[in-house]
C-alpha atoms as a PDB file:
ATOM      1  CA  UNK A   1       8.594 -69.174 -13.270  1.00  0.00           C
ATOM      2  CA  UNK A   2       6.006 -70.549 -10.850  1.00  0.00           C
ATOM      3  CA  UNK A   3       4.792 -67.993  -8.334  1.00  0.00           C
ATOM      4  CA  UNK A   4       3.177 -68.617  -4.981  1.00  0.00           C
ATOM      5  CA  UNK A   5       0.085 -66.785  -3.811  1.00  0.00           C
ATOM      6  CA  UNK A   6       2.256 -64.693  -1.513  1.00  0.00           C
ATOM      7  CA  UNK A   7       4.734 -63.606  -4.166  1.00  0.00           C
ATOM      8  CA  UNK A   8       1.884 -62.760  -6.551  1.00  0.00           C
ATOM      9  CA  UNK A   9       0.184 -60.703  -3.856  1.00  0.00           C
ATOM     10  CA  UNK A  10       3.385 -58.826  -3.049  1.00  0.00           C
ATOM     11  CA  UNK A  11       4.908 -58.699  -6.528  1.00  0.00           C
ATOM     12  CA  UNK A  12       5.237 -54.918  -6.769  1.00  0.00           C
ATOM     13  CA  UNK A  13       6.875 -54.666  -3.340  1.00  0.00           C
ATOM     14  CA  UNK A  14       9.008 -57.755  -3.907  1.00  0.00           C
ATOM     15  CA  UNK A  15      10.206 -56.461  -7.274  1.00  0.00           C
ATOM     16  CA  UNK A  16      11.092 -53.097  -5.767  1.00  0.00           C
ATOM     17  CA  UNK A  17      12.864 -54.860  -2.904  1.00  0.00           C
ATOM     18  CA  UNK A  18      14.951 -57.017  -5.262  1.00  0.00           C
ATOM     19  CA  UNK A  19      15.980 -53.979  -7.303  1.00  0.00           C
ATOM     20  CA  UNK A  20      16.895 -52.096  -4.136  1.00  0.00           C
ATOM     21  CA  UNK A  21      18.839 -54.989  -2.639  1.00  0.00           C
ATOM     22  CA  UNK A  22      20.747 -55.417  -5.893  1.00  0.00           C
ATOM     23  CA  UNK A  23      21.538 -51.696  -6.135  1.00  0.00           C
ATOM     24  CA  UNK A  24      22.654 -51.473  -2.494  1.00  0.00           C
ATOM     25  CA  UNK A  25      24.954 -54.499  -2.740  1.00  0.00           C
ATOM     26  CA  UNK A  26      26.031 -54.305  -6.386  1.00  0.00           C
ATOM     27  CA  UNK A  27      29.661 -55.127  -5.691  1.00  0.00           C
ATOM     28  CA  UNK A  28      29.207 -58.034  -3.291  1.00  0.00           C
ATOM     29  CA  UNK A  29      25.749 -59.325  -4.118  1.00  0.00           C
ATOM     30  CA  UNK A  30      22.727 -59.232  -1.808  1.00  0.00           C
ATOM     31  CA  UNK A  31      21.714 -61.802   0.760  1.00  0.00           C
ATOM     32  CA  UNK A  32      18.211 -62.987   1.501  1.00  0.00           C
ATOM     33  CA  UNK A  33      18.201 -60.935   4.692  1.00  0.00           C
ATOM     34  CA  UNK A  34      18.854 -57.804   2.596  1.00  0.00           C
ATOM     35  CA  UNK A  35      15.939 -58.645   0.336  1.00  0.00           C
ATOM     36  CA  UNK A  36      13.686 -59.368   3.305  1.00  0.00           C
ATOM     37  CA  UNK A  37      14.565 -56.042   4.925  1.00  0.00           C
ATOM     38  CA  UNK A  38      13.646 -54.012   1.834  1.00  0.00           C
ATOM     39  CA  UNK A  39      10.438 -56.002   1.398  1.00  0.00           C
ATOM     40  CA  UNK A  40       9.387 -55.287   4.972  1.00  0.00           C
ATOM     41  CA  UNK A  41      10.410 -51.644   4.616  1.00  0.00           C
ATOM     42  CA  UNK A  42       8.327 -51.094   1.488  1.00  0.00           C
ATOM     43  CA  UNK A  43       5.234 -52.917   2.745  1.00  0.00           C
ATOM     44  CA  UNK A  44       5.581 -50.944   5.983  1.00  0.00           C
ATOM     45  CA  UNK A  45       5.325 -47.719   3.994  1.00  0.00           C
ATOM     46  CA  UNK A  46       1.923 -48.823   2.681  1.00  0.00           C
ATOM     47  CA  UNK A  47       0.612 -51.164   5.377  1.00  0.00           C
ATOM     48  CA  UNK A  48      -1.994 -48.735   6.732  1.00  0.00           C
ATOM     49  CA  UNK A  49      -3.671 -48.822   3.316  1.00  0.00           C
ATOM     50  CA  UNK A  50      -3.105 -52.445   2.346  1.00  0.00           C
ATOM     51  CA  UNK A  51      -5.359 -55.339   3.377  1.00  0.00           C
ATOM     52  CA  UNK A  52      -2.483 -57.809   3.433  1.00  0.00           C
ATOM     53  CA  UNK A  53      -0.078 -59.598   5.697  1.00  0.00           C
ATOM     54  CA  UNK A  54       3.382 -58.404   4.769  1.00  0.00           C
ATOM     55  CA  UNK A  55       5.323 -61.121   6.558  1.00  0.00           C
ATOM     56  CA  UNK A  56       7.083 -63.457   4.146  1.00  0.00           C
ATOM     57  CA  UNK A  57       8.965 -66.545   5.236  1.00  0.00           C
ATOM     58  CA  UNK A  58      12.632 -66.861   4.339  1.00  0.00           C
ATOM     59  CA  UNK A  59      11.879 -70.151   2.592  1.00  0.00           C
ATOM     60  CA  UNK A  60       9.447 -68.361   0.287  1.00  0.00           C
ATOM     61  CA  UNK A  61      12.069 -65.783  -0.610  1.00  0.00           C
ATOM     62  CA  UNK A  62      14.603 -68.554  -1.189  1.00  0.00           C
ATOM     63  CA  UNK A  63      12.300 -70.299  -3.654  1.00  0.00           C
ATOM     64  CA  UNK A  64      11.545 -67.020  -5.407  1.00  0.00           C
ATOM     65  CA  UNK A  65      15.179 -65.986  -5.826  1.00  0.00           C
ATOM     66  CA  UNK A  66      16.233 -69.532  -6.781  1.00  0.00           C
ATOM     67  CA  UNK A  67      13.612 -69.479  -9.525  1.00  0.00           C
ATOM     68  CA  UNK A  68      15.082 -66.217 -10.818  1.00  0.00           C
ATOM     69  CA  UNK A  69      18.467 -67.938 -10.896  1.00  0.00           C
ATOM     70  CA  UNK A  70      17.113 -70.924 -12.828  1.00  0.00           C
ATOM     71  CA  UNK A  71      15.531 -68.595 -15.392  1.00  0.00           C
ATOM     72  CA  UNK A  72      18.780 -66.685 -15.904  1.00  0.00           C
ATOM     73  CA  UNK A  73      17.540 -63.532 -14.184  1.00  0.00           C
ATOM     74  CA  UNK A  74      20.000 -63.771 -11.293  1.00  0.00           C
ATOM     75  CA  UNK A  75      23.374 -65.290 -10.458  1.00  0.00           C
ATOM     76  CA  UNK A  76      24.122 -67.050  -7.204  1.00  0.00           C
ATOM     77  CA  UNK A  77      27.487 -67.084  -5.455  1.00  0.00           C
ATOM     78  CA  UNK A  78      28.662 -68.978  -2.421  1.00  0.00           C
ATOM     79  CA  UNK A  79      30.305 -67.167   0.467  1.00  0.00           C
ATOM     80  CA  UNK A  80      31.635 -68.322   3.806  1.00  0.00           C
ATOM     81  CA  UNK A  81      28.368 -67.631   5.606  1.00  0.00           C
ATOM     82  CA  UNK A  82      25.457 -67.474   3.151  1.00  0.00           C
ATOM     83  CA  UNK A  83      24.775 -67.376  -0.580  1.00  0.00           C
ATOM     84  CA  UNK A  84      24.642 -64.018  -2.304  1.00  0.00           C
ATOM     85  CA  UNK A  85      22.769 -63.005  -5.430  1.00  0.00           C
ATOM     86  CA  UNK A  86      23.086 -60.475  -8.215  1.00  0.00           C
ATOM     87  CA  UNK A  87      20.483 -59.757 -10.847  1.00  0.00           C
ATOM     88  CA  UNK A  88      21.565 -59.988 -14.459  1.00  0.00           C
ATOM     89  CA  UNK A  89      20.811 -57.161 -16.871  1.00  0.00           C
ATOM     90  CA  UNK A  90      17.992 -59.288 -18.283  1.00  0.00           C
ATOM     91  CA  UNK A  91      16.802 -59.949 -14.737  1.00  0.00           C
ATOM     92  CA  UNK A  92      16.632 -56.253 -13.873  1.00  0.00           C
ATOM     93  CA  UNK A  93      14.648 -55.591 -17.020  1.00  0.00           C
ATOM     94  CA  UNK A  94      12.372 -58.554 -16.236  1.00  0.00           C
ATOM     95  CA  UNK A  95      11.632 -57.297 -12.720  1.00  0.00           C
ATOM     96  CA  UNK A  96      10.866 -53.796 -14.004  1.00  0.00           C
ATOM     97  CA  UNK A  97       8.565 -55.311 -16.622  1.00  0.00           C
ATOM     98  CA  UNK A  98       6.700 -57.314 -13.994  1.00  0.00           C
ATOM     99  CA  UNK A  99       6.052 -54.459 -11.616  1.00  0.00           C
ATOM    100  CA  UNK A 100       4.978 -52.037 -14.356  1.00  0.00           C
ATOM    101  CA  UNK A 101       2.868 -54.456 -16.400  1.00  0.00           C
ATOM    102  CA  UNK A 102      -0.591 -53.003 -17.114  1.00  0.00           C
ATOM    103  CA  UNK A 103      -1.974 -56.531 -16.749  1.00  0.00           C
ATOM    104  CA  UNK A 104      -1.157 -56.553 -13.041  1.00  0.00           C
ATOM    105  CA  UNK A 105      -4.075 -55.937 -10.712  1.00  0.00           C
ATOM    106  CA  UNK A 106      -3.073 -53.295  -8.203  1.00  0.00           C
ATOM    107  CA  UNK A 107      -4.764 -51.672  -5.269  1.00  0.00           C
ATOM    108  CA  UNK A 108      -4.656 -47.888  -4.990  1.00  0.00           C
ATOM    109  CA  UNK A 109      -1.933 -48.151  -2.345  1.00  0.00           C
ATOM    110  CA  UNK A 110       0.151 -50.462  -4.531  1.00  0.00           C
ATOM    111  CA  UNK A 111      -0.120 -48.163  -7.520  1.00  0.00           C
ATOM    112  CA  UNK A 112       0.835 -45.091  -5.505  1.00  0.00           C
ATOM    113  CA  UNK A 113       3.814 -46.966  -4.081  1.00  0.00           C
ATOM    114  CA  UNK A 114       4.876 -47.971  -7.602  1.00  0.00           C
ATOM    115  CA  UNK A 115       4.725 -44.387  -8.879  1.00  0.00           C
ATOM    116  CA  UNK A 116       6.614 -43.146  -5.841  1.00  0.00           C
ATOM    117  CA  UNK A 117       9.289 -45.817  -6.227  1.00  0.00           C
ATOM    118  CA  UNK A 118       9.807 -45.239  -9.948  1.00  0.00           C
ATOM    119  CA  UNK A 119       9.806 -41.459  -9.602  1.00  0.00           C
ATOM    120  CA  UNK A 120      12.451 -41.670  -6.899  1.00  0.00           C
ATOM    121  CA  UNK A 121      14.688 -44.357  -8.376  1.00  0.00           C
ATOM    122  CA  UNK A 122      14.184 -44.657 -12.146  1.00  0.00           C
ATOM    123  CA  UNK A 123      17.538 -43.016 -12.901  1.00  0.00           C
ATOM    124  CA  UNK A 124      19.218 -45.406 -10.496  1.00  0.00           C
ATOM    125  CA  UNK A 125      17.473 -48.360 -12.136  1.00  0.00           C
ATOM    126  CA  UNK A 126      18.673 -47.251 -15.562  1.00  0.00           C
ATOM    127  CA  UNK A 127      22.212 -46.859 -14.275  1.00  0.00           C
ATOM    128  CA  UNK A 128      22.413 -50.335 -12.733  1.00  0.00           C
ATOM    129  CA  UNK A 129      21.211 -51.892 -15.985  1.00  0.00           C
ATOM    130  CA  UNK A 130      23.821 -49.930 -17.913  1.00  0.00           C
ATOM    131  CA  UNK A 131      26.470 -51.049 -15.419  1.00  0.00           C
ATOM    132  CA  UNK A 132      25.787 -54.714 -16.239  1.00  0.00           C
ATOM    133  CA  UNK A 133      27.730 -54.440 -19.497  1.00  0.00           C
ATOM    134  CA  UNK A 134      29.853 -52.140 -21.602  1.00  0.00           C
ATOM    135  CA  UNK A 135      27.183 -51.937 -24.272  1.00  0.00           C
ATOM    136  CA  UNK A 136      23.789 -50.437 -23.545  1.00  0.00           C
ATOM    137  CA  UNK A 137      21.821 -50.899 -26.798  1.00  0.00           C
ATOM    138  CA  UNK A 138      19.509 -48.109 -27.895  1.00  0.00           C
ATOM    139  CA  UNK A 139      16.632 -50.605 -28.177  1.00  0.00           C
ATOM    140  CA  UNK A 140      17.077 -51.604 -24.538  1.00  0.00           C
ATOM    141  CA  UNK A 141      17.335 -47.987 -23.462  1.00  0.00           C
ATOM    142  CA  UNK A 142      14.091 -47.125 -25.272  1.00  0.00           C
ATOM    143  CA  UNK A 143      12.312 -50.129 -23.791  1.00  0.00           C
ATOM    144  CA  UNK A 144      13.446 -49.169 -20.319  1.00  0.00           C
ATOM    145  CA  UNK A 145      12.368 -45.553 -20.799  1.00  0.00           C
ATOM    146  CA  UNK A 146       8.928 -46.794 -21.821  1.00  0.00           C
ATOM    147  CA  UNK A 147       8.637 -49.062 -18.785  1.00  0.00           C
ATOM    148  CA  UNK A 148       9.708 -46.293 -16.403  1.00  0.00           C
ATOM    149  CA  UNK A 149       7.386 -43.659 -17.901  1.00  0.00           C
ATOM    150  CA  UNK A 150       5.301 -42.772 -14.858  1.00  0.00           C
ATOM    151  CA  UNK A 151       3.164 -40.345 -16.853  1.00  0.00           C
ATOM    152  CA  UNK A 152       2.043 -43.172 -19.140  1.00  0.00           C
ATOM    153  CA  UNK A 153       1.395 -45.436 -16.160  1.00  0.00           C
ATOM    154  CA  UNK A 154      -0.732 -42.756 -14.508  1.00  0.00           C
ATOM    155  CA  UNK A 155      -2.684 -42.176 -17.732  1.00  0.00           C
ATOM    156  CA  UNK A 156      -3.469 -45.891 -17.954  1.00  0.00           C
ATOM    157  CA  UNK A 157      -4.540 -45.931 -14.307  1.00  0.00           C
ATOM    158  CA  UNK A 158      -6.734 -42.868 -14.839  1.00  0.00           C
ATOM    159  CA  UNK A 159      -8.523 -44.632 -17.689  1.00  0.00           C
ATOM    160  CA  UNK A 160      -9.113 -47.661 -15.475  1.00  0.00           C
ATOM    161  CA  UNK A 161     -10.437 -45.469 -12.667  1.00  0.00           C
ATOM    162  CA  UNK A 162     -12.709 -43.587 -15.081  1.00  0.00           C
ATOM    163  CA  UNK A 163     -14.308 -46.895 -16.050  1.00  0.00           C
ATOM    164  CA  UNK A 164     -14.691 -47.824 -12.388  1.00  0.00           C
ATOM    165  CA  UNK A 165     -16.320 -44.462 -11.632  1.00  0.00           C
ATOM    166  CA  UNK A 166     -18.773 -44.852 -14.502  1.00  0.00           C
ATOM    167  CA  UNK A 167     -19.666 -48.343 -13.328  1.00  0.00           C
ATOM    168  CA  UNK A 168     -20.186 -47.177  -9.739  1.00  0.00           C
ATOM    169  CA  UNK A 169     -22.249 -44.179 -10.851  1.00  0.00           C
ATOM    170  CA  UNK A 170     -24.501 -46.530 -12.815  1.00  0.00           C
ATOM    171  CA  UNK A 171     -24.898 -48.801  -9.796  1.00  0.00           C
ATOM    172  CA  UNK A 172     -25.900 -45.914  -7.547  1.00  0.00           C
ATOM    173  CA  UNK A 173     -28.270 -44.461 -10.128  1.00  0.00           C
ATOM    174  CA  UNK A 174     -29.990 -47.772 -10.878  1.00  0.00           C
ATOM    175  CA  UNK A 175     -30.337 -48.694  -7.208  1.00  0.00           C
ATOM    176  CA  UNK A 176     -31.950 -45.353  -6.348  1.00  0.00           C
ATOM    177  CA  UNK A 177     -34.196 -45.443  -9.387  1.00  0.00           C
ATOM    178  CA  UNK A 178     -35.271 -49.025  -8.718  1.00  0.00           C
ATOM    179  CA  UNK A 179     -36.200 -48.144  -5.139  1.00  0.00           C
ATOM    180  CA  UNK A 180     -38.140 -45.108  -6.322  1.00  0.00           C
ATOM    181  CA  UNK A 181     -39.931 -47.060  -9.049  1.00  0.00           C
ATOM    182  CA  UNK A 182     -40.977 -49.851  -6.682  1.00  0.00           C
ATOM    183  CA  UNK A 183     -42.259 -47.446  -4.057  1.00  0.00           C
ATOM    184  CA  UNK A 184     -44.248 -45.344  -6.541  1.00  0.00           C
ATOM    185  CA  UNK A 185     -45.712 -48.264  -8.500  1.00  0.00           C
ATOM    186  CA  UNK A 186     -46.808 -50.206  -5.436  1.00  0.00           C
ATOM    187  CA  UNK A 187     -48.333 -47.064  -3.909  1.00  0.00           C
ATOM    188  CA  UNK A 188     -50.290 -46.668  -7.164  1.00  0.00           C
ATOM    189  CA  UNK A 189     -51.647 -50.196  -6.844  1.00  0.00           C
ATOM    190  CA  UNK A 190     -49.580 -51.938  -9.548  1.00  0.00           C
ATOM    191  CA  UNK A 191     -49.185 -55.677  -8.970  1.00  0.00           C
ATOM    192  CA  UNK A 192     -45.857 -56.612  -7.392  1.00  0.00           C
ATOM    193  CA  UNK A 193     -44.994 -59.074 -10.163  1.00  0.00           C
ATOM    194  CA  UNK A 194     -45.476 -56.370 -12.790  1.00  0.00           C
ATOM    195  CA  UNK A 195     -43.354 -53.949 -10.778  1.00  0.00           C
ATOM    196  CA  UNK A 196     -40.500 -56.458 -10.646  1.00  0.00           C
ATOM    197  CA  UNK A 197     -40.756 -57.034 -14.384  1.00  0.00           C
ATOM    198  CA  UNK A 198     -40.585 -53.297 -15.091  1.00  0.00           C
ATOM    199  CA  UNK A 199     -37.602 -52.837 -12.769  1.00  0.00           C
ATOM    200  CA  UNK A 200     -35.813 -55.725 -14.442  1.00  0.00           C
ATOM    201  CA  UNK A 201     -36.221 -54.140 -17.863  1.00  0.00           C
ATOM    202  CA  UNK A 202     -35.329 -50.584 -16.881  1.00  0.00           C
ATOM    203  CA  UNK A 203     -32.557 -51.192 -14.337  1.00  0.00           C
ATOM    204  CA  UNK A 204     -31.116 -54.702 -14.737  1.00  0.00           C
ATOM    205  CA  UNK A 205     -28.489 -55.534 -12.130  1.00  0.00           C
ATOM    206  CA  UNK A 206     -25.030 -56.707 -13.233  1.00  0.00           C
ATOM    207  CA  UNK A 207     -25.694 -60.427 -12.769  1.00  0.00           C
ATOM    208  CA  UNK A 208     -29.076 -60.315 -14.465  1.00  0.00           C
ATOM    209  CA  UNK A 209     -27.836 -62.552 -17.293  1.00  0.00           C
ATOM    210  CA  UNK A 210     -26.925 -65.239 -14.744  1.00  0.00           C
ATOM    211  CA  UNK A 211     -30.083 -64.954 -12.684  1.00  0.00           C
ATOM    212  CA  UNK A 212     -32.826 -62.540 -13.816  1.00  0.00           C
ATOM    213  CA  UNK A 213     -34.091 -60.157 -11.155  1.00  0.00           C
ATOM    214  CA  UNK A 214     -37.577 -61.673 -11.293  1.00  0.00           C
ATOM    215  CA  UNK A 215     -36.151 -65.122 -10.555  1.00  0.00           C
ATOM    216  CA  UNK A 216     -33.937 -63.804  -7.774  1.00  0.00           C
ATOM    217  CA  UNK A 217     -36.855 -62.044  -6.059  1.00  0.00           C
ATOM    218  CA  UNK A 218     -39.081 -65.152  -6.305  1.00  0.00           C
ATOM    219  CA  UNK A 219     -36.460 -67.143  -4.404  1.00  0.00           C
ATOM    220  CA  UNK A 220     -36.544 -64.751  -1.434  1.00  0.00           C
ATOM    221  CA  UNK A 221     -38.869 -65.052   1.534  1.00  0.00           C
ATOM    222  CA  UNK A 222     -42.160 -63.211   0.834  1.00  0.00           C
ATOM    223  CA  UNK A 223     -41.549 -60.667   3.583  1.00  0.00           C
ATOM    224  CA  UNK A 224     -38.081 -59.918   2.159  1.00  0.00           C
ATOM    225  CA  UNK A 225     -38.987 -59.362  -1.472  1.00  0.00           C
ATOM    226  CA  UNK A 226     -40.256 -55.780  -1.349  1.00  0.00           C
ATOM    227  CA  UNK A 227     -37.601 -54.805   1.203  1.00  0.00           C
ATOM    228  CA  UNK A 228     -34.773 -55.894  -1.118  1.00  0.00           C
ATOM    229  CA  UNK A 229     -36.091 -53.842  -4.005  1.00  0.00           C
ATOM    230  CA  UNK A 230     -36.974 -50.738  -2.043  1.00  0.00           C
ATOM    231  CA  UNK A 231     -35.007 -50.442   1.218  1.00  0.00           C
ATOM    232  CA  UNK A 232     -32.222 -52.853   0.277  1.00  0.00           C
ATOM    233  CA  UNK A 233     -31.345 -50.840  -2.817  1.00  0.00           C
ATOM    234  CA  UNK A 234     -31.241 -47.640  -0.766  1.00  0.00           C
ATOM    235  CA  UNK A 235     -28.916 -49.240   1.794  1.00  0.00           C
ATOM    236  CA  UNK A 236     -26.558 -50.543  -0.874  1.00  0.00           C
ATOM    237  CA  UNK A 237     -26.456 -47.186  -2.625  1.00  0.00           C
ATOM    238  CA  UNK A 238     -25.946 -45.057   0.486  1.00  0.00           C
ATOM    239  CA  UNK A 239     -23.778 -47.348   2.615  1.00  0.00           C
ATOM    240  CA  UNK A 240     -21.712 -49.312   0.077  1.00  0.00           C
ATOM    241  CA  UNK A 241     -21.543 -47.657  -3.315  1.00  0.00           C
ATOM    242  CA  UNK A 242     -21.692 -43.914  -2.722  1.00  0.00           C
ATOM    243  CA  UNK A 243     -18.723 -44.036  -0.293  1.00  0.00           C
ATOM    244  CA  UNK A 244     -16.789 -46.155  -2.814  1.00  0.00           C
ATOM    245  CA  UNK A 245     -17.676 -43.669  -5.535  1.00  0.00           C
ATOM    246  CA  UNK A 246     -16.398 -40.787  -3.397  1.00  0.00           C
ATOM    247  CA  UNK A 247     -13.119 -42.655  -2.794  1.00  0.00           C
ATOM    248  CA  UNK A 248     -12.701 -43.336  -6.519  1.00  0.00           C
ATOM    249  CA  UNK A 249     -13.345 -39.687  -7.392  1.00  0.00           C
ATOM    250  CA  UNK A 250     -10.784 -38.496  -4.835  1.00  0.00           C
ATOM    251  CA  UNK A 251      -8.276 -41.066  -6.083  1.00  0.00           C
ATOM    252  CA  UNK A 252      -8.851 -39.796  -9.632  1.00  0.00           C
ATOM    253  CA  UNK A 253      -8.226 -36.251  -8.399  1.00  0.00           C
ATOM    254  CA  UNK A 254      -4.955 -37.305  -6.784  1.00  0.00           C
ATOM    255  CA  UNK A 255      -3.837 -39.043  -9.985  1.00  0.00           C
ATOM    256  CA  UNK A 256      -4.488 -35.822 -11.893  1.00  0.00           C
ATOM    257  CA  UNK A 257      -2.339 -33.975  -9.345  1.00  0.00           C
ATOM    258  CA  UNK A 258       0.496 -36.484  -9.709  1.00  0.00           C
ATOM    259  CA  UNK A 259       0.406 -36.290 -13.492  1.00  0.00           C
ATOM    260  CA  UNK A 260       0.527 -32.487 -13.588  1.00  0.00           C
END
């Protein structure tokens, strides 16, 4: 199914909205206005933390739901006023798979919404899948239990955050050390070119393989070169990376609390 940039950006909220619309209108089928309401409700819950525009056009929702219908994940019915939709059992499972996929890139706000949604409604999700047919195979039940395992999702997120913390700690450390090295070596009378070479070997920046530090510094204006290595590194560490590191550490602490 082809996805637009908007549906990709809002996939977790859109998936939760589709599941909610289906559950709320299981007997009659949901309309696009029902889906749009739940989407706006869920993005509203997180909008103070999300750098996104939550408004989605009705035509975008129409294309998205129609694509679900073409793929066999939903059924469409005609009524006197507007078409209605119902997810199939396979469609419900597909939506759950999409929103819980570890391959999805999620912001902190999106992940916290996902955990909150699944914690609140996982039993309801399981029941609406079971209601789609008389038989509820054990294999499907086990797969669903795995997808809805919030503890496993949090563990995976904690591992990702641990890597991000380590990366940010390294950035802060190397920036501070580079600034210190440059200041001390130049004060001791070491040639600037040799100082840059030493900094490049001891504290290579992340894009050093694309453009070595020595080459990057040569391309700067002469009066900017020392500033970038000494003051610039301090500014990046103190203003950009240390605050991000503090946010990551607090987020990690909150994940630990949720998992307990």
